[in-house]
Amino acid sequence: MSIHDHARPSLIEQSLLGAVVLALVAMVSLPVARSGSETFGWLPFWLLALPLSAWAVARLLRLREQRAWTRARQIGLGQMASVHVLQPIPGRTASAGPLRRAA
């Protein structure tokens, strides 16, 4: 994985932006899509606001991961940082200590 992999939007982000575009087209084309319904409530919320908020969260998470990746490269961990974390420490057992009983 390189830093350039984070520059492109993920498939989830692309799908959410596609849903936003379709929602905008539906709201402009269909007057019913701009109102509310008894079953679903306020339709612009479901059509536009929810995909936009999901896209914003996905983008923020991707940017946060990109910053962590950049920080790891700056301190010299490089691409094998996750592999080193998963390797056991020589001379130690896998268990953290004796099991405790629930009170």
N, C-alpha and C. Protein backbone atom coordinates (compact mmCIF):
# COMPACT_ATOMS: atom_id res chain seq x y z
N MET A 1 0.85 -1.17 0.00
CA MET A 1 0.00 0.00 0.00
C MET A 1 0.90 1.23 0.00
N SER A 2 0.63 2.14 -0.86
CA SER A 2 1.42 3.35 -0.91
C SER A 2 0.57 4.56 -0.57
N ILE A 3 1.22 5.68 -0.46
CA ILE A 3 0.51 6.92 -0.12
C ILE A 3 -0.46 7.31 -1.23
N HIS A 4 -0.17 6.88 -2.46
CA HIS A 4 -1.04 7.23 -3.58
C HIS A 4 -2.34 6.43 -3.56
N ASP A 5 -2.36 5.29 -2.87
CA ASP A 5 -3.60 4.54 -2.75
C ASP A 5 -4.65 5.31 -1.97
N HIS A 6 -4.21 6.17 -1.07
CA HIS A 6 -5.14 6.94 -0.25
C HIS A 6 -5.65 8.18 -0.99
N ALA A 7 -4.99 8.57 -2.06
CA ALA A 7 -5.39 9.78 -2.77
C ALA A 7 -6.67 9.57 -3.57
N ARG A 8 -6.91 8.35 -4.01
CA ARG A 8 -8.11 8.06 -4.79
C ARG A 8 -9.28 7.74 -3.86
N PRO A 9 -10.49 8.19 -4.20
CA PRO A 9 -11.66 7.84 -3.38
C PRO A 9 -11.92 6.34 -3.44
N SER A 10 -12.38 5.80 -2.34
CA SER A 10 -12.67 4.37 -2.28
C SER A 10 -13.97 4.08 -3.03
N LEU A 11 -14.25 2.80 -3.20
CA LEU A 11 -15.48 2.40 -3.88
C LEU A 11 -16.71 2.84 -3.10
N ILE A 12 -16.60 2.81 -1.78
CA ILE A 12 -17.72 3.25 -0.94
C ILE A 12 -17.99 4.73 -1.15
N GLU A 13 -16.91 5.53 -1.16
CA GLU A 13 -17.08 6.97 -1.37
C GLU A 13 -17.67 7.26 -2.74
N GLN A 14 -17.20 6.56 -3.77
CA GLN A 14 -17.73 6.77 -5.11
C GLN A 14 -19.21 6.39 -5.18
N SER A 15 -19.57 5.30 -4.51
CA SER A 15 -20.98 4.87 -4.51
C SER A 15 -21.87 5.89 -3.80
N LEU A 16 -21.38 6.42 -2.67
CA LEU A 16 -22.17 7.41 -1.94
C LEU A 16 -22.33 8.69 -2.73
N LEU A 17 -21.27 9.12 -3.41
CA LEU A 17 -21.40 10.32 -4.26
C LEU A 17 -22.35 10.07 -5.43
N GLY A 18 -22.35 8.86 -5.97
CA GLY A 18 -23.30 8.50 -7.02
C GLY A 18 -24.73 8.56 -6.51
N ALA A 19 -24.94 8.09 -5.28
CA ALA A 19 -26.28 8.16 -4.67
C ALA A 19 -26.71 9.60 -4.47
N VAL A 20 -25.77 10.47 -4.11
CA VAL A 20 -26.09 11.89 -3.92
C VAL A 20 -26.50 12.52 -5.25
N VAL A 21 -25.79 12.18 -6.32
CA VAL A 21 -26.13 12.73 -7.63
C VAL A 21 -27.52 12.25 -8.06
N LEU A 22 -27.78 10.96 -7.86
CA LEU A 22 -29.11 10.44 -8.21
C LEU A 22 -30.20 11.11 -7.38
N ALA A 23 -29.93 11.37 -6.12
CA ALA A 23 -30.90 12.04 -5.26
C ALA A 23 -31.16 13.46 -5.74
N LEU A 24 -30.11 14.16 -6.14
CA LEU A 24 -30.30 15.52 -6.66
C LEU A 24 -31.14 15.51 -7.93
N VAL A 25 -30.88 14.55 -8.82
CA VAL A 25 -31.66 14.45 -10.05
C VAL A 25 -33.13 14.14 -9.72
N ALA A 26 -33.34 13.24 -8.77
CA ALA A 26 -34.72 12.90 -8.39
C ALA A 26 -35.42 14.09 -7.76
N MET A 27 -34.72 14.84 -6.93
CA MET A 27 -35.36 15.99 -6.28
C MET A 27 -35.67 17.10 -7.27
N VAL A 28 -34.81 17.29 -8.27
CA VAL A 28 -35.07 18.33 -9.27
C VAL A 28 -36.18 17.89 -10.23
N SER A 29 -36.19 16.60 -10.57
CA SER A 29 -37.14 16.10 -11.57
C SER A 29 -38.53 15.82 -11.00
N LEU A 30 -38.58 15.33 -9.78
CA LEU A 30 -39.86 14.91 -9.20
C LEU A 30 -40.24 15.80 -8.03
N PRO A 31 -41.31 16.54 -8.14
CA PRO A 31 -41.73 17.39 -7.03
C PRO A 31 -42.10 16.60 -5.77
N VAL A 32 -42.54 15.37 -5.94
CA VAL A 32 -42.91 14.54 -4.80
C VAL A 32 -41.68 14.24 -3.94
N ALA A 33 -40.50 14.17 -4.56
CA ALA A 33 -39.27 13.86 -3.82
C ALA A 33 -38.84 15.02 -2.91
N ARG A 34 -39.41 16.19 -3.12
CA ARG A 34 -39.07 17.35 -2.28
C ARG A 34 -39.95 17.48 -1.06
N SER A 35 -40.95 16.65 -0.97
CA SER A 35 -41.88 16.74 0.17
C SER A 35 -41.66 15.58 1.13
N GLY A 36 -42.57 15.46 2.05
CA GLY A 36 -42.49 14.36 2.99
C GLY A 36 -43.57 13.32 2.71
N SER A 37 -43.40 12.18 3.31
CA SER A 37 -44.43 11.13 3.19
C SER A 37 -44.73 10.60 4.58
N GLU A 38 -45.88 9.98 4.71
CA GLU A 38 -46.26 9.43 6.00
C GLU A 38 -45.40 8.23 6.37
N THR A 39 -44.96 7.48 5.38
CA THR A 39 -44.19 6.27 5.64
C THR A 39 -42.73 6.59 5.96
N PHE A 40 -42.10 7.42 5.15
CA PHE A 40 -40.66 7.66 5.27
C PHE A 40 -40.31 8.98 5.95
N GLY A 41 -41.22 9.86 6.12
CA GLY A 41 -40.90 11.16 6.69
C GLY A 41 -40.44 12.14 5.62
N TRP A 42 -39.47 12.97 5.97
CA TRP A 42 -38.99 14.00 5.06
C TRP A 42 -38.05 13.36 4.05
N LEU A 43 -38.45 13.23 2.79
CA LEU A 43 -37.69 12.51 1.78
C LEU A 43 -36.33 13.12 1.45
N PRO A 44 -36.18 14.47 1.39
CA PRO A 44 -34.84 14.98 1.12
C PRO A 44 -33.80 14.55 2.15
N PHE A 45 -34.23 14.32 3.37
CA PHE A 45 -33.30 13.81 4.39
C PHE A 45 -32.79 12.44 4.00
N TRP A 46 -33.70 11.54 3.62
CA TRP A 46 -33.30 10.18 3.26
C TRP A 46 -32.56 10.15 1.93
N LEU A 47 -32.96 10.99 1.00
CA LEU A 47 -32.34 10.96 -0.32
C LEU A 47 -31.00 11.67 -0.39
N LEU A 48 -30.85 12.75 0.35
CA LEU A 48 -29.68 13.60 0.18
C LEU A 48 -28.82 13.70 1.44
N ALA A 49 -29.42 13.97 2.56
CA ALA A 49 -28.63 14.24 3.77
C ALA A 49 -27.92 12.99 4.29
N LEU A 50 -28.57 11.85 4.29
CA LEU A 50 -27.92 10.65 4.80
C LEU A 50 -26.75 10.18 3.93
N PRO A 51 -26.88 10.12 2.60
CA PRO A 51 -25.70 9.76 1.80
C PRO A 51 -24.56 10.78 1.93
N LEU A 52 -24.91 12.07 2.03
CA LEU A 52 -23.86 13.08 2.20
C LEU A 52 -23.14 12.94 3.53
N SER A 53 -23.86 12.67 4.60
CA SER A 53 -23.21 12.51 5.89
C SER A 53 -22.38 11.23 5.93
N ALA A 54 -22.86 10.15 5.30
CA ALA A 54 -22.07 8.92 5.23
C ALA A 54 -20.80 9.14 4.41
N TRP A 55 -20.89 9.89 3.33
CA TRP A 55 -19.71 10.20 2.52
C TRP A 55 -18.71 11.03 3.33
N ALA A 56 -19.20 11.99 4.10
CA ALA A 56 -18.30 12.83 4.90
C ALA A 56 -17.56 11.99 5.95
N VAL A 57 -18.25 11.06 6.57
CA VAL A 57 -17.60 10.19 7.56
C VAL A 57 -16.57 9.30 6.87
N ALA A 58 -16.90 8.72 5.73
CA ALA A 58 -15.95 7.87 5.01
C ALA A 58 -14.72 8.65 4.59
N ARG A 59 -14.93 9.88 4.16
CA ARG A 59 -13.79 10.71 3.74
C ARG A 59 -12.91 11.09 4.93
N LEU A 60 -13.54 11.46 6.05
CA LEU A 60 -12.76 11.80 7.24
C LEU A 60 -11.95 10.61 7.75
N LEU A 61 -12.54 9.43 7.70
CA LEU A 61 -11.81 8.24 8.12
C LEU A 61 -10.64 7.95 7.19
N ARG A 62 -10.84 8.15 5.88
CA ARG A 62 -9.76 7.93 4.94
C ARG A 62 -8.64 8.94 5.14
N LEU A 63 -8.99 10.19 5.38
CA LEU A 63 -7.97 11.21 5.62
C LEU A 63 -7.23 10.96 6.92
N ARG A 64 -7.94 10.47 7.92
CA ARG A 64 -7.29 10.14 9.19
C ARG A 64 -6.30 8.99 9.02
N GLU A 65 -6.69 8.00 8.24
CA GLU A 65 -5.79 6.88 7.96
C GLU A 65 -4.57 7.35 7.16
N GLN A 66 -4.80 8.27 6.23
CA GLN A 66 -3.70 8.80 5.43
C GLN A 66 -2.71 9.57 6.30
N ARG A 67 -3.21 10.35 7.27
CA ARG A 67 -2.31 11.07 8.18
C ARG A 67 -1.51 10.10 9.04
N ALA A 68 -2.16 9.03 9.51
CA ALA A 68 -1.46 8.03 10.31
C ALA A 68 -0.40 7.33 9.48
N TRP A 69 -0.70 7.06 8.23
CA TRP A 69 0.27 6.43 7.34
C TRP A 69 1.47 7.36 7.11
N THR A 70 1.20 8.62 6.89
CA THR A 70 2.27 9.59 6.69
C THR A 70 3.12 9.72 7.94
N ARG A 71 2.49 9.76 9.11
CA ARG A 71 3.21 9.85 10.37
C ARG A 71 4.08 8.62 10.59
N ALA A 72 3.57 7.43 10.25
CA ALA A 72 4.34 6.20 10.41
C ALA A 72 5.55 6.21 9.49
N ARG A 73 5.40 6.74 8.30
CA ARG A 73 6.55 6.81 7.39
C ARG A 73 7.58 7.82 7.89
N GLN A 74 7.12 8.90 8.52
CA GLN A 74 8.04 9.92 9.01
C GLN A 74 8.90 9.40 10.16
N ILE A 75 8.32 8.54 11.01
CA ILE A 75 9.12 8.04 12.12
C ILE A 75 9.87 6.77 11.75
N GLY A 76 9.73 6.33 10.51
CA GLY A 76 10.55 5.23 10.01
C GLY A 76 9.95 3.85 10.10
N LEU A 77 8.65 3.75 10.35
CA LEU A 77 8.06 2.43 10.43
C LEU A 77 7.85 1.82 9.05
N GLY A 78 7.58 2.64 8.07
CA GLY A 78 7.46 2.17 6.70
C GLY A 78 6.26 1.28 6.47
N GLN A 79 6.36 0.46 5.43
CA GLN A 79 5.23 -0.37 5.03
C GLN A 79 5.08 -1.60 5.89
N MET A 80 6.07 -2.00 6.65
CA MET A 80 6.00 -3.21 7.43
C MET A 80 5.60 -2.95 8.88
N ALA A 81 5.06 -1.79 9.18
CA ALA A 81 4.72 -1.44 10.56
C ALA A 81 3.71 -2.41 11.15
N SER A 82 2.70 -2.77 10.40
CA SER A 82 1.68 -3.66 10.95
C SER A 82 2.20 -5.07 11.15
N VAL A 83 3.17 -5.50 10.35
CA VAL A 83 3.74 -6.84 10.50
C VAL A 83 4.55 -6.93 11.78
N HIS A 84 5.31 -5.89 12.12
CA HIS A 84 6.13 -5.91 13.32
C HIS A 84 5.27 -5.92 14.58
N VAL A 85 4.13 -5.29 14.53
CA VAL A 85 3.26 -5.26 15.71
C VAL A 85 2.69 -6.64 15.98
N LEU A 86 2.40 -7.40 14.93
CA LEU A 86 1.76 -8.69 15.10
C LEU A 86 2.72 -9.81 15.49
N GLN A 87 4.04 -9.61 15.35
CA GLN A 87 4.98 -10.67 15.69
C GLN A 87 5.14 -10.76 17.20
N PRO A 88 5.18 -12.00 17.75
CA PRO A 88 5.32 -12.14 19.20
C PRO A 88 6.72 -11.75 19.67
N ILE A 89 6.80 -11.33 20.91
CA ILE A 89 8.08 -10.97 21.50
C ILE A 89 8.77 -12.25 21.94
N PRO A 90 10.03 -12.46 21.55
CA PRO A 90 10.73 -13.70 21.94
C PRO A 90 10.82 -13.83 23.46
N GLY A 91 10.57 -15.04 23.95
CA GLY A 91 10.68 -15.30 25.37
C GLY A 91 9.41 -15.04 26.17
N ARG A 92 8.37 -14.56 25.53
CA ARG A 92 7.12 -14.29 26.23
C ARG A 92 6.06 -15.27 25.78
N THR A 93 5.16 -15.58 26.67
CA THR A 93 4.05 -16.45 26.30
C THR A 93 2.92 -15.61 25.73
N ALA A 94 1.98 -16.28 25.12
CA ALA A 94 0.87 -15.57 24.47
C ALA A 94 -0.11 -15.00 25.46
N SER A 95 -0.25 -15.61 26.64
CA SER A 95 -1.24 -15.12 27.60
C SER A 95 -0.69 -13.94 28.39
N ALA A 96 -1.56 -13.05 28.75
CA ALA A 96 -1.16 -11.85 29.49
C ALA A 96 -1.06 -12.13 30.98
N GLY A 97 -1.65 -13.18 31.45
CA GLY A 97 -1.63 -13.48 32.88
C GLY A 97 -2.69 -14.51 33.22
N PRO A 98 -2.83 -14.83 34.48
CA PRO A 98 -3.84 -15.83 34.85
C PRO A 98 -5.24 -15.28 34.64
N LEU A 99 -6.15 -16.19 34.33
CA LEU A 99 -7.54 -15.79 34.14
C LEU A 99 -8.18 -15.45 35.47
N ARG A 100 -8.99 -14.43 35.47
CA ARG A 100 -9.68 -14.02 36.70
C ARG A 100 -11.14 -14.43 36.59
N ARG A 101 -11.68 -14.77 37.73
CA ARG A 101 -13.09 -15.13 37.76
C ARG A 101 -13.95 -13.87 37.90
N ALA A 102 -15.12 -13.92 37.29
CA ALA A 102 -16.04 -12.79 37.39
C ALA A 102 -16.63 -12.74 38.78
N ALA A 103 -16.79 -11.54 39.29
CA ALA A 103 -17.33 -11.38 40.66
C ALA A 103 -18.81 -11.55 40.68
